[in-house]
C-alpha cells in the first residue's frame, strides 16, 4: 500500500490556500508530485518489488517521520 502525503494536484495545489500551513510539517519542504508517487508504484509492481509484501510505504517527503 502506498500512502501519499501532500501531493501537488489540481484539487490540492502546492500554492493553494492550505499549502502554507502544511509545508512546515514536510521534511523536504515541498509538496510531492504525481510522478514521484508513480515511481514508487512502478517499483512495487516491477522487479524491485517482487519480494515486498504486507507493508505500507509513505511517500510523503518526511511528513510522518
C-alpha atoms as a PDB file:
ATOM      1  CA  UNK A   1       0.000   0.000   0.000  1.00  0.00           C
ATOM      2  CA  UNK A   2       1.272   3.455  -0.857  1.00  0.00           C
ATOM      3  CA  UNK A   3       0.290   6.322   1.440  1.00  0.00           C
ATOM      4  CA  UNK A   4       0.748   9.626  -0.356  1.00  0.00           C
ATOM      5  CA  UNK A   5       1.421  12.781   1.575  1.00  0.00           C
ATOM      6  CA  UNK A   6       0.759  16.303   0.345  1.00  0.00           C
ATOM      7  CA  UNK A   7       0.820  15.990  -3.422  1.00  0.00           C
ATOM      8  CA  UNK A   8       0.557  18.821  -5.919  1.00  0.00           C
ATOM      9  CA  UNK A   9      -2.625  18.145  -7.895  1.00  0.00           C
ATOM     10  CA  UNK A  10      -5.397  20.218  -9.454  1.00  0.00           C
ATOM     11  CA  UNK A  11      -7.544  19.614  -6.358  1.00  0.00           C
ATOM     12  CA  UNK A  12      -4.668  20.140  -3.886  1.00  0.00           C
ATOM     13  CA  UNK A  13      -2.243  22.631  -5.454  1.00  0.00           C
ATOM     14  CA  UNK A  14       1.121  23.307  -3.861  1.00  0.00           C
ATOM     15  CA  UNK A  15       0.278  27.014  -3.959  1.00  0.00           C
ATOM     16  CA  UNK A  16      -3.276  26.570  -2.641  1.00  0.00           C
ATOM     17  CA  UNK A  17      -4.761  28.219   0.453  1.00  0.00           C
ATOM     18  CA  UNK A  18      -3.855  25.349   2.813  1.00  0.00           C
ATOM     19  CA  UNK A  19      -0.364  24.682   1.479  1.00  0.00           C
ATOM     20  CA  UNK A  20       1.402  27.282   3.613  1.00  0.00           C
ATOM     21  CA  UNK A  21       0.113  25.622   6.784  1.00  0.00           C
ATOM     22  CA  UNK A  22       1.281  22.156   5.637  1.00  0.00           C
ATOM     23  CA  UNK A  23       4.799  22.993   4.447  1.00  0.00           C
ATOM     24  CA  UNK A  24       6.414  23.269   7.917  1.00  0.00           C
ATOM     25  CA  UNK A  25       5.453  19.636   8.573  1.00  0.00           C
ATOM     26  CA  UNK A  26       7.080  18.280   5.398  1.00  0.00           C
ATOM     27  CA  UNK A  27      10.769  17.493   5.972  1.00  0.00           C
ATOM     28  CA  UNK A  28      11.656  18.090   2.309  1.00  0.00           C
ATOM     29  CA  UNK A  29       9.863  21.458   2.390  1.00  0.00           C
ATOM     30  CA  UNK A  30       7.697  20.932  -0.678  1.00  0.00           C
ATOM     31  CA  UNK A  31       4.688  19.047  -1.977  1.00  0.00           C
ATOM     32  CA  UNK A  32       5.305  15.803  -3.842  1.00  0.00           C
ATOM     33  CA  UNK A  33       4.451  15.230  -7.478  1.00  0.00           C
ATOM     34  CA  UNK A  34       2.324  12.635  -9.184  1.00  0.00           C
ATOM     35  CA  UNK A  35       5.464  11.372 -10.908  1.00  0.00           C
ATOM     36  CA  UNK A  36       7.114  10.686  -7.548  1.00  0.00           C
ATOM     37  CA  UNK A  37       4.131   8.639  -6.421  1.00  0.00           C
ATOM     38  CA  UNK A  38       4.043   6.814  -9.745  1.00  0.00           C
ATOM     39  CA  UNK A  39       7.741   5.946  -9.435  1.00  0.00           C
ATOM     40  CA  UNK A  40       7.088   4.220  -6.117  1.00  0.00           C
ATOM     41  CA  UNK A  41       4.161   2.264  -7.537  1.00  0.00           C
ATOM     42  CA  UNK A  42       6.240   1.306 -10.589  1.00  0.00           C
ATOM     43  CA  UNK A  43       8.968  -0.004  -8.303  1.00  0.00           C
ATOM     44  CA  UNK A  44       6.473  -2.093  -6.328  1.00  0.00           C
ATOM     45  CA  UNK A  45       4.902  -3.697  -9.393  1.00  0.00           C
ATOM     46  CA  UNK A  46       8.250  -4.213 -11.114  1.00  0.00           C
ATOM     47  CA  UNK A  47      11.229  -6.451 -10.452  1.00  0.00           C
ATOM     48  CA  UNK A  48      12.327  -4.392  -7.461  1.00  0.00           C
ATOM     49  CA  UNK A  49       9.107  -5.121  -5.606  1.00  0.00           C
ATOM     50  CA  UNK A  50       8.917  -8.875  -6.211  1.00  0.00           C
ATOM     51  CA  UNK A  51       9.630  -9.746  -2.601  1.00  0.00           C
ATOM     52  CA  UNK A  52       7.767  -6.901  -0.903  1.00  0.00           C
ATOM     53  CA  UNK A  53       4.559  -7.988   0.802  1.00  0.00           C
ATOM     54  CA  UNK A  54       2.246  -6.751   3.527  1.00  0.00           C
ATOM     55  CA  UNK A  55       3.698  -3.311   4.069  1.00  0.00           C
ATOM     56  CA  UNK A  56       2.748   0.321   3.727  1.00  0.00           C
ATOM     57  CA  UNK A  57       5.080   2.854   2.144  1.00  0.00           C
ATOM     58  CA  UNK A  58       4.680   6.535   2.953  1.00  0.00           C
ATOM     59  CA  UNK A  59       5.544   8.764   0.010  1.00  0.00           C
ATOM     60  CA  UNK A  60       5.208  11.974   1.969  1.00  0.00           C
ATOM     61  CA  UNK A  61       8.520  13.830   1.883  1.00  0.00           C
ATOM     62  CA  UNK A  62       9.082  13.099   5.567  1.00  0.00           C
ATOM     63  CA  UNK A  63       5.696  14.313   6.839  1.00  0.00           C
ATOM     64  CA  UNK A  64       5.198  11.251   9.026  1.00  0.00           C
ATOM     65  CA  UNK A  65       8.854  10.945  10.049  1.00  0.00           C
END
